């Protein structure tokens, strides 16, 4: 198996399990309907573990453009291979989403909630605030790369690493996922969102393209910064890229604070006007 095919199949497996568990929880007349956030986070964690077990030996199982770019940024992966990996990840995510659509074929008609249908494919914010939503995705993916590199520096029992990585995903989902649905992976969100746009899903509504840039840009910034931060904090390697991304992340933090203050002020004004 080539690295390209490994990333394609691995990302497909990731979306089949990950999108599949969301479908089971949110689509009407599913036997898993309303089973909740714990089930979703466990499903995604196991999805990552199974995908890494399947293709790790062939491609390293990045399964995520943010991981690929982050590793390239610290010299752990050749930049020349980055486009090939990202293309494979996008194709795999799209195919995985199509499989999920086919699996739940009778449930789309039974489900009236357009947001629930979109949630099977891609993420959206609990509270719409672009700057704060972007920051959430930056933080989540920062922790992802920091965690992956830290885990990689430890020696676990042979064959256990993918399972531990799965628990890292569970931890991110439980602790940080409630704001935006923790895409933390541009391919995981964009590939299935394209599938949602194309597929003949009854009453599907909008694919929410206005939000689609956040789960792409946020993870790339957060993942790259997480990898650069690891090299700086754990290995003492300081580069100009690290300081540039520090400034970028700081600017996002400031923008989120300002945006949140403005949003809170608007809510206060509306509440006061109704009294």
C-alpha atoms as a PDB file:
ATOM      1  CA  UNK A   1       0.000   0.000   0.000  1.00  0.00           C
ATOM      2  CA  UNK A   2       1.278   3.470  -0.875  1.00  0.00           C
ATOM      3  CA  UNK A   3       1.313   6.345   1.594  1.00  0.00           C
ATOM      4  CA  UNK A   4      -1.322   8.100  -0.549  1.00  0.00           C
ATOM      5  CA  UNK A   5      -3.689   5.136  -0.388  1.00  0.00           C
ATOM      6  CA  UNK A   6      -2.945   4.706   3.304  1.00  0.00           C
ATOM      7  CA  UNK A   7      -3.971   8.285   4.097  1.00  0.00           C
ATOM      8  CA  UNK A   8      -7.055   7.968   1.889  1.00  0.00           C
ATOM      9  CA  UNK A   9      -8.277   4.735   3.480  1.00  0.00           C
ATOM     10  CA  UNK A  10      -7.322   5.820   6.992  1.00  0.00           C
ATOM     11  CA  UNK A  11      -9.228   9.098   6.709  1.00  0.00           C
ATOM     12  CA  UNK A  12     -12.170   7.249   5.177  1.00  0.00           C
ATOM     13  CA  UNK A  13     -12.249   4.912   8.203  1.00  0.00           C
ATOM     14  CA  UNK A  14     -12.020   7.925  10.507  1.00  0.00           C
ATOM     15  CA  UNK A  15     -15.098   9.551   8.943  1.00  0.00           C
ATOM     16  CA  UNK A  16     -17.105   6.323   8.698  1.00  0.00           C
ATOM     17  CA  UNK A  17     -16.795   5.788  12.448  1.00  0.00           C
ATOM     18  CA  UNK A  18     -16.789   9.469  13.450  1.00  0.00           C
ATOM     19  CA  UNK A  19     -19.577  10.690  11.199  1.00  0.00           C
ATOM     20  CA  UNK A  20     -21.370   7.427  11.830  1.00  0.00           C
ATOM     21  CA  UNK A  21     -21.556   7.922  15.589  1.00  0.00           C
ATOM     22  CA  UNK A  22     -22.912  11.462  15.131  1.00  0.00           C
ATOM     23  CA  UNK A  23     -25.538  10.104  12.737  1.00  0.00           C
ATOM     24  CA  UNK A  24     -26.566   7.493  15.265  1.00  0.00           C
ATOM     25  CA  UNK A  25     -27.008  10.108  17.988  1.00  0.00           C
ATOM     26  CA  UNK A  26     -28.754  12.917  16.082  1.00  0.00           C
ATOM     27  CA  UNK A  27     -30.809  11.277  13.329  1.00  0.00           C
ATOM     28  CA  UNK A  28     -34.409  10.331  14.042  1.00  0.00           C
ATOM     29  CA  UNK A  29     -35.426   6.700  14.598  1.00  0.00           C
ATOM     30  CA  UNK A  30     -31.845   5.592  15.084  1.00  0.00           C
ATOM     31  CA  UNK A  31     -31.540   3.133  17.963  1.00  0.00           C
ATOM     32  CA  UNK A  32     -28.747   5.340  19.334  1.00  0.00           C
ATOM     33  CA  UNK A  33     -30.805   8.568  19.108  1.00  0.00           C
ATOM     34  CA  UNK A  34     -30.182  11.047  21.949  1.00  0.00           C
ATOM     35  CA  UNK A  35     -27.427   8.911  23.491  1.00  0.00           C
ATOM     36  CA  UNK A  36     -25.412  12.084  23.969  1.00  0.00           C
ATOM     37  CA  UNK A  37     -22.053  13.801  23.867  1.00  0.00           C
ATOM     38  CA  UNK A  38     -20.167  11.069  25.732  1.00  0.00           C
ATOM     39  CA  UNK A  39     -21.091   8.574  23.020  1.00  0.00           C
ATOM     40  CA  UNK A  40     -19.991  10.998  20.289  1.00  0.00           C
ATOM     41  CA  UNK A  41     -16.607  11.712  21.879  1.00  0.00           C
ATOM     42  CA  UNK A  42     -15.950   8.020  22.506  1.00  0.00           C
ATOM     43  CA  UNK A  43     -16.943   7.216  18.934  1.00  0.00           C
ATOM     44  CA  UNK A  44     -14.533   9.784  17.512  1.00  0.00           C
ATOM     45  CA  UNK A  45     -11.730   8.623  19.786  1.00  0.00           C
ATOM     46  CA  UNK A  46     -12.152   5.015  18.726  1.00  0.00           C
ATOM     47  CA  UNK A  47     -12.443   6.169  15.107  1.00  0.00           C
ATOM     48  CA  UNK A  48      -8.982   7.716  15.306  1.00  0.00           C
ATOM     49  CA  UNK A  49      -7.523   4.665  17.069  1.00  0.00           C
ATOM     50  CA  UNK A  50      -8.924   2.214  14.493  1.00  0.00           C
ATOM     51  CA  UNK A  51      -7.783   4.368  11.564  1.00  0.00           C
ATOM     52  CA  UNK A  52      -4.261   4.683  12.970  1.00  0.00           C
ATOM     53  CA  UNK A  53      -4.073   0.920  13.596  1.00  0.00           C
ATOM     54  CA  UNK A  54      -5.192   0.302  10.014  1.00  0.00           C
ATOM     55  CA  UNK A  55      -2.735   2.471   8.095  1.00  0.00           C
ATOM     56  CA  UNK A  56      -0.070   3.699  10.506  1.00  0.00           C
ATOM     57  CA  UNK A  57       2.534   1.316   9.122  1.00  0.00           C
ATOM     58  CA  UNK A  58       2.014   2.609   5.584  1.00  0.00           C
ATOM     59  CA  UNK A  59       1.720   6.396   5.916  1.00  0.00           C
ATOM     60  CA  UNK A  60       2.267   7.270   9.553  1.00  0.00           C
ATOM     61  CA  UNK A  61      -1.499   7.850   9.772  1.00  0.00           C
ATOM     62  CA  UNK A  62      -1.619  11.640   9.815  1.00  0.00           C
ATOM     63  CA  UNK A  63      -5.287  11.592   8.678  1.00  0.00           C
ATOM     64  CA  UNK A  64      -5.346  15.351   9.185  1.00  0.00           C
ATOM     65  CA  UNK A  65      -3.825  18.244   7.182  1.00  0.00           C
ATOM     66  CA  UNK A  66      -3.120  20.087  10.445  1.00  0.00           C
ATOM     67  CA  UNK A  67      -0.939  17.173  11.579  1.00  0.00           C
ATOM     68  CA  UNK A  68       0.803  16.949   8.214  1.00  0.00           C
ATOM     69  CA  UNK A  69       1.530  20.688   8.070  1.00  0.00           C
ATOM     70  CA  UNK A  70       2.514  20.832  11.741  1.00  0.00           C
ATOM     71  CA  UNK A  71       5.035  18.017  11.335  1.00  0.00           C
ATOM     72  CA  UNK A  72       6.417  19.622   8.181  1.00  0.00           C
ATOM     73  CA  UNK A  73       6.807  22.947  10.015  1.00  0.00           C
ATOM     74  CA  UNK A  74       9.220  21.347  12.517  1.00  0.00           C
ATOM     75  CA  UNK A  75      11.137  19.335   9.936  1.00  0.00           C
ATOM     76  CA  UNK A  76       9.632  15.959  10.848  1.00  0.00           C
ATOM     77  CA  UNK A  77       7.936  15.498   7.482  1.00  0.00           C
ATOM     78  CA  UNK A  78       9.029  16.602   3.981  1.00  0.00           C
ATOM     79  CA  UNK A  79       7.149  19.600   2.580  1.00  0.00           C
ATOM     80  CA  UNK A  80       7.244  17.955  -0.856  1.00  0.00           C
ATOM     81  CA  UNK A  81       4.878  15.232   0.411  1.00  0.00           C
ATOM     82  CA  UNK A  82       2.403  17.610   2.075  1.00  0.00           C
ATOM     83  CA  UNK A  83       0.150  18.191  -1.006  1.00  0.00           C
ATOM     84  CA  UNK A  84      -0.099  14.434  -1.692  1.00  0.00           C
ATOM     85  CA  UNK A  85      -1.121  13.705   1.882  1.00  0.00           C
ATOM     86  CA  UNK A  86      -3.688  16.499   2.026  1.00  0.00           C
ATOM     87  CA  UNK A  87      -5.288  15.443  -1.274  1.00  0.00           C
ATOM     88  CA  UNK A  88      -5.527  11.848  -0.021  1.00  0.00           C
ATOM     89  CA  UNK A  89      -7.051  13.007   3.272  1.00  0.00           C
ATOM     90  CA  UNK A  90      -9.663  15.138   1.506  1.00  0.00           C
ATOM     91  CA  UNK A  91     -10.662  12.334  -0.860  1.00  0.00           C
ATOM     92  CA  UNK A  92     -10.841   9.841   1.997  1.00  0.00           C
ATOM     93  CA  UNK A  93     -12.979  12.179   4.104  1.00  0.00           C
ATOM     94  CA  UNK A  94     -15.374  12.723   1.206  1.00  0.00           C
ATOM     95  CA  UNK A  95     -15.711   8.985   0.531  1.00  0.00           C
ATOM     96  CA  UNK A  96     -16.220   8.293   4.231  1.00  0.00           C
ATOM     97  CA  UNK A  97     -19.026  10.858   4.355  1.00  0.00           C
ATOM     98  CA  UNK A  98     -20.722   9.262   1.347  1.00  0.00           C
ATOM     99  CA  UNK A  99     -20.590   5.882   3.099  1.00  0.00           C
ATOM    100  CA  UNK A 100     -22.197   7.394   6.208  1.00  0.00           C
ATOM    101  CA  UNK A 101     -24.926   8.911   4.004  1.00  0.00           C
ATOM    102  CA  UNK A 102     -25.642   5.514   2.453  1.00  0.00           C
ATOM    103  CA  UNK A 103     -25.623   3.768   5.810  1.00  0.00           C
ATOM    104  CA  UNK A 104     -28.323   6.058   7.236  1.00  0.00           C
ATOM    105  CA  UNK A 105     -30.304   6.236   3.984  1.00  0.00           C
ATOM    106  CA  UNK A 106     -33.866   5.983   5.428  1.00  0.00           C
ATOM    107  CA  UNK A 107     -33.096   8.283   8.361  1.00  0.00           C
ATOM    108  CA  UNK A 108     -32.566  11.484   6.361  1.00  0.00           C
ATOM    109  CA  UNK A 109     -36.222  11.595   5.364  1.00  0.00           C
ATOM    110  CA  UNK A 110     -37.287  10.831   8.936  1.00  0.00           C
ATOM    111  CA  UNK A 111     -35.242  13.746  10.311  1.00  0.00           C
ATOM    112  CA  UNK A 112     -36.670  17.270   9.977  1.00  0.00           C
ATOM    113  CA  UNK A 113     -33.848  19.147  11.719  1.00  0.00           C
ATOM    114  CA  UNK A 114     -31.532  20.548   9.027  1.00  0.00           C
ATOM    115  CA  UNK A 115     -28.855  21.330  11.603  1.00  0.00           C
ATOM    116  CA  UNK A 116     -28.818  17.724  12.778  1.00  0.00           C
ATOM    117  CA  UNK A 117     -28.315  16.513   9.219  1.00  0.00           C
ATOM    118  CA  UNK A 118     -25.402  18.892   8.697  1.00  0.00           C
ATOM    119  CA  UNK A 119     -23.890  17.868  12.053  1.00  0.00           C
ATOM    120  CA  UNK A 120     -23.400  14.324  10.735  1.00  0.00           C
ATOM    121  CA  UNK A 121     -21.026  15.781   8.143  1.00  0.00           C
ATOM    122  CA  UNK A 122     -19.414  18.888   9.614  1.00  0.00           C
ATOM    123  CA  UNK A 123     -19.165  21.146  12.631  1.00  0.00           C
ATOM    124  CA  UNK A 124     -20.831  24.385  13.677  1.00  0.00           C
ATOM    125  CA  UNK A 125     -20.515  26.645  16.737  1.00  0.00           C
ATOM    126  CA  UNK A 126     -22.696  26.401  19.838  1.00  0.00           C
ATOM    127  CA  UNK A 127     -22.551  30.216  20.036  1.00  0.00           C
ATOM    128  CA  UNK A 128     -21.803  32.001  16.781  1.00  0.00           C
ATOM    129  CA  UNK A 129     -18.801  34.276  17.286  1.00  0.00           C
ATOM    130  CA  UNK A 130     -16.244  33.886  14.480  1.00  0.00           C
ATOM    131  CA  UNK A 131     -13.219  35.163  16.414  1.00  0.00           C
ATOM    132  CA  UNK A 132     -14.014  33.072  19.499  1.00  0.00           C
ATOM    133  CA  UNK A 133     -14.887  30.044  17.347  1.00  0.00           C
ATOM    134  CA  UNK A 134     -11.567  30.389  15.515  1.00  0.00           C
ATOM    135  CA  UNK A 135      -9.746  30.567  18.843  1.00  0.00           C
ATOM    136  CA  UNK A 136     -11.489  27.380  20.033  1.00  0.00           C
ATOM    137  CA  UNK A 137     -10.295  25.487  16.975  1.00  0.00           C
ATOM    138  CA  UNK A 138      -6.782  26.910  17.406  1.00  0.00           C
ATOM    139  CA  UNK A 139      -6.660  25.790  21.043  1.00  0.00           C
ATOM    140  CA  UNK A 140      -8.085  22.327  20.344  1.00  0.00           C
ATOM    141  CA  UNK A 141      -5.621  21.595  17.551  1.00  0.00           C
ATOM    142  CA  UNK A 142      -2.728  23.128  19.495  1.00  0.00           C
ATOM    143  CA  UNK A 143      -3.414  20.586  22.233  1.00  0.00           C
ATOM    144  CA  UNK A 144      -3.753  17.828  19.623  1.00  0.00           C
ATOM    145  CA  UNK A 145      -0.277  18.380  18.153  1.00  0.00           C
ATOM    146  CA  UNK A 146       1.304  19.051  21.518  1.00  0.00           C
ATOM    147  CA  UNK A 147      -0.226  15.822  22.800  1.00  0.00           C
ATOM    148  CA  UNK A 148       0.767  13.762  19.766  1.00  0.00           C
ATOM    149  CA  UNK A 149       4.390  14.876  19.948  1.00  0.00           C
ATOM    150  CA  UNK A 150       4.529  14.375  23.715  1.00  0.00           C
ATOM    151  CA  UNK A 151       3.050  10.878  23.408  1.00  0.00           C
ATOM    152  CA  UNK A 152       5.500  10.063  20.632  1.00  0.00           C
ATOM    153  CA  UNK A 153       8.390  10.873  22.951  1.00  0.00           C
ATOM    154  CA  UNK A 154       7.254   8.203  25.433  1.00  0.00           C
ATOM    155  CA  UNK A 155       7.650   4.450  25.111  1.00  0.00           C
ATOM    156  CA  UNK A 156       4.385   2.570  25.533  1.00  0.00           C
ATOM    157  CA  UNK A 157       3.786  -1.139  25.287  1.00  0.00           C
ATOM    158  CA  UNK A 158       4.112  -2.211  21.663  1.00  0.00           C
ATOM    159  CA  UNK A 159       0.922  -1.591  19.698  1.00  0.00           C
ATOM    160  CA  UNK A 160      -0.730   0.648  22.312  1.00  0.00           C
ATOM    161  CA  UNK A 161       0.160   4.062  20.861  1.00  0.00           C
ATOM    162  CA  UNK A 162      -2.861   4.378  18.519  1.00  0.00           C
ATOM    163  CA  UNK A 163      -5.200   3.493  21.391  1.00  0.00           C
ATOM    164  CA  UNK A 164      -3.626   6.185  23.587  1.00  0.00           C
ATOM    165  CA  UNK A 165      -3.963   8.699  20.742  1.00  0.00           C
ATOM    166  CA  UNK A 166      -7.651   7.782  20.584  1.00  0.00           C
ATOM    167  CA  UNK A 167      -7.987   8.712  24.248  1.00  0.00           C
ATOM    168  CA  UNK A 168      -6.289  12.033  23.491  1.00  0.00           C
ATOM    169  CA  UNK A 169      -9.095  12.710  21.002  1.00  0.00           C
ATOM    170  CA  UNK A 170     -11.681  11.729  23.621  1.00  0.00           C
ATOM    171  CA  UNK A 171     -10.075  14.104  26.118  1.00  0.00           C
ATOM    172  CA  UNK A 172     -10.117  16.987  23.624  1.00  0.00           C
ATOM    173  CA  UNK A 173     -13.762  16.286  22.786  1.00  0.00           C
ATOM    174  CA  UNK A 174     -14.865  16.091  26.408  1.00  0.00           C
ATOM    175  CA  UNK A 175     -12.912  19.123  27.592  1.00  0.00           C
ATOM    176  CA  UNK A 176     -12.779  21.435  24.570  1.00  0.00           C
ATOM    177  CA  UNK A 177     -15.329  20.145  22.060  1.00  0.00           C
ATOM    178  CA  UNK A 178     -18.477  21.801  23.359  1.00  0.00           C
ATOM    179  CA  UNK A 179     -17.832  25.172  21.714  1.00  0.00           C
ATOM    180  CA  UNK A 180     -17.423  24.274  18.042  1.00  0.00           C
ATOM    181  CA  UNK A 181     -17.716  20.499  17.862  1.00  0.00           C
ATOM    182  CA  UNK A 182     -13.891  20.205  17.783  1.00  0.00           C
ATOM    183  CA  UNK A 183     -13.203  19.753  14.084  1.00  0.00           C
ATOM    184  CA  UNK A 184      -9.424  20.008  14.808  1.00  0.00           C
ATOM    185  CA  UNK A 185      -8.977  18.628  11.286  1.00  0.00           C
ATOM    186  CA  UNK A 186      -9.598  20.548   8.035  1.00  0.00           C
ATOM    187  CA  UNK A 187     -10.214  17.371   5.998  1.00  0.00           C
ATOM    188  CA  UNK A 188     -12.613  15.955   8.581  1.00  0.00           C
ATOM    189  CA  UNK A 189     -14.801  19.043   8.219  1.00  0.00           C
ATOM    190  CA  UNK A 190     -14.349  20.244   4.630  1.00  0.00           C
ATOM    191  CA  UNK A 191     -14.490  16.875   2.846  1.00  0.00           C
ATOM    192  CA  UNK A 192     -17.804  15.838   4.437  1.00  0.00           C
ATOM    193  CA  UNK A 193     -19.196  19.378   4.078  1.00  0.00           C
ATOM    194  CA  UNK A 194     -18.621  19.101   0.327  1.00  0.00           C
ATOM    195  CA  UNK A 195     -20.369  15.703   0.425  1.00  0.00           C
ATOM    196  CA  UNK A 196     -23.319  17.285   2.263  1.00  0.00           C
ATOM    197  CA  UNK A 197     -23.500  19.956  -0.437  1.00  0.00           C
ATOM    198  CA  UNK A 198     -23.458  17.425  -3.293  1.00  0.00           C
ATOM    199  CA  UNK A 199     -25.493  14.494  -1.952  1.00  0.00           C
ATOM    200  CA  UNK A 200     -29.290  14.319  -2.508  1.00  0.00           C
ATOM    201  CA  UNK A 201     -30.175  14.502   1.199  1.00  0.00           C
ATOM    202  CA  UNK A 202     -33.912  15.209   1.664  1.00  0.00           C
ATOM    203  CA  UNK A 203     -34.526  18.632   3.245  1.00  0.00           C
ATOM    204  CA  UNK A 204     -30.860  19.116   4.041  1.00  0.00           C
ATOM    205  CA  UNK A 205     -30.776  22.917   3.989  1.00  0.00           C
ATOM    206  CA  UNK A 206     -27.598  24.996   3.851  1.00  0.00           C
ATOM    207  CA  UNK A 207     -24.078  23.573   4.093  1.00  0.00           C
ATOM    208  CA  UNK A 208     -23.129  26.711   6.077  1.00  0.00           C
ATOM    209  CA  UNK A 209     -20.257  27.784   3.863  1.00  0.00           C
ATOM    210  CA  UNK A 210     -19.977  31.064   5.762  1.00  0.00           C
ATOM    211  CA  UNK A 211     -18.562  29.128   8.721  1.00  0.00           C
ATOM    212  CA  UNK A 212     -16.559  26.574   6.718  1.00  0.00           C
ATOM    213  CA  UNK A 213     -13.283  28.545   6.767  1.00  0.00           C
ATOM    214  CA  UNK A 214     -12.989  28.403  10.566  1.00  0.00           C
ATOM    215  CA  UNK A 215     -12.519  24.599  10.921  1.00  0.00           C
ATOM    216  CA  UNK A 216      -9.913  24.828   8.138  1.00  0.00           C
ATOM    217  CA  UNK A 217      -7.880  27.880   9.153  1.00  0.00           C
ATOM    218  CA  UNK A 218      -8.133  27.351  12.925  1.00  0.00           C
ATOM    219  CA  UNK A 219      -6.705  23.816  12.952  1.00  0.00           C
ATOM    220  CA  UNK A 220      -3.878  24.720  10.569  1.00  0.00           C
ATOM    221  CA  UNK A 221      -2.799  27.637  12.782  1.00  0.00           C
ATOM    222  CA  UNK A 222      -3.292  25.702  16.019  1.00  0.00           C
ATOM    223  CA  UNK A 223      -1.616  22.541  14.777  1.00  0.00           C
ATOM    224  CA  UNK A 224       1.403  24.371  13.396  1.00  0.00           C
ATOM    225  CA  UNK A 225       1.767  26.392  16.582  1.00  0.00           C
ATOM    226  CA  UNK A 226       1.382  23.269  18.725  1.00  0.00           C
ATOM    227  CA  UNK A 227       4.241  21.567  16.889  1.00  0.00           C
ATOM    228  CA  UNK A 228       6.456  24.670  16.995  1.00  0.00           C
ATOM    229  CA  UNK A 229       5.666  25.171  20.691  1.00  0.00           C
ATOM    230  CA  UNK A 230       6.635  21.578  21.458  1.00  0.00           C
ATOM    231  CA  UNK A 231      10.016  22.062  19.779  1.00  0.00           C
ATOM    232  CA  UNK A 232      10.542  25.317  21.697  1.00  0.00           C
ATOM    233  CA  UNK A 233       9.339  24.213  25.146  1.00  0.00           C
ATOM    234  CA  UNK A 234      10.411  20.559  25.187  1.00  0.00           C
ATOM    235  CA  UNK A 235      13.509  20.576  22.987  1.00  0.00           C
ATOM    236  CA  UNK A 236      14.729  24.175  23.262  1.00  0.00           C
ATOM    237  CA  UNK A 237      14.504  24.803  19.507  1.00  0.00           C
ATOM    238  CA  UNK A 238      13.503  28.414  18.827  1.00  0.00           C
ATOM    239  CA  UNK A 239      12.742  29.477  15.252  1.00  0.00           C
ATOM    240  CA  UNK A 240      11.382  32.597  13.586  1.00  0.00           C
ATOM    241  CA  UNK A 241       8.284  30.588  12.634  1.00  0.00           C
ATOM    242  CA  UNK A 242       7.561  29.956  16.322  1.00  0.00           C
ATOM    243  CA  UNK A 243       7.610  33.672  17.123  1.00  0.00           C
ATOM    244  CA  UNK A 244       5.551  34.558  14.047  1.00  0.00           C
ATOM    245  CA  UNK A 245       2.868  32.058  15.040  1.00  0.00           C
ATOM    246  CA  UNK A 246       3.009  33.288  18.628  1.00  0.00           C
ATOM    247  CA  UNK A 247       2.105  36.756  17.356  1.00  0.00           C
ATOM    248  CA  UNK A 248      -0.645  35.345  15.120  1.00  0.00           C
ATOM    249  CA  UNK A 249      -2.201  33.380  17.991  1.00  0.00           C
ATOM    250  CA  UNK A 250      -1.933  36.389  20.305  1.00  0.00           C
ATOM    251  CA  UNK A 251      -3.769  38.488  17.706  1.00  0.00           C
ATOM    252  CA  UNK A 252      -6.544  35.870  17.530  1.00  0.00           C
ATOM    253  CA  UNK A 253      -6.841  35.919  21.328  1.00  0.00           C
ATOM    254  CA  UNK A 254      -7.183  39.725  21.324  1.00  0.00           C
ATOM    255  CA  UNK A 255      -9.747  39.589  18.510  1.00  0.00           C
ATOM    256  CA  UNK A 256     -11.763  36.959  20.414  1.00  0.00           C
ATOM    257  CA  UNK A 257     -11.726  39.039  23.610  1.00  0.00           C
ATOM    258  CA  UNK A 258     -12.865  42.171  21.759  1.00  0.00           C
ATOM    259  CA  UNK A 259     -15.544  40.269  19.837  1.00  0.00           C
ATOM    260  CA  UNK A 260     -16.846  38.620  23.001  1.00  0.00           C
ATOM    261  CA  UNK A 261     -17.025  41.972  24.789  1.00  0.00           C
ATOM    262  CA  UNK A 262     -18.956  43.508  21.893  1.00  0.00           C
ATOM    263  CA  UNK A 263     -21.317  40.538  21.764  1.00  0.00           C
ATOM    264  CA  UNK A 264     -21.938  40.738  25.513  1.00  0.00           C
ATOM    265  CA  UNK A 265     -22.613  44.484  25.240  1.00  0.00           C
ATOM    266  CA  UNK A 266     -25.122  43.929  22.446  1.00  0.00           C
ATOM    267  CA  UNK A 267     -26.922  41.288  24.513  1.00  0.00           C
ATOM    268  CA  UNK A 268     -27.026  43.683  27.472  1.00  0.00           C
ATOM    269  CA  UNK A 269     -28.446  46.471  25.331  1.00  0.00           C
ATOM    270  CA  UNK A 270     -31.152  44.199  23.896  1.00  0.00           C
ATOM    271  CA  UNK A 271     -32.051  42.918  27.352  1.00  0.00           C
ATOM    272  CA  UNK A 272     -32.228  46.440  28.738  1.00  0.00           C
ATOM    273  CA  UNK A 273     -34.411  47.591  25.832  1.00  0.00           C
ATOM    274  CA  UNK A 274     -36.975  44.865  26.555  1.00  0.00           C
ATOM    275  CA  UNK A 275     -37.309  45.802  30.225  1.00  0.00           C
END
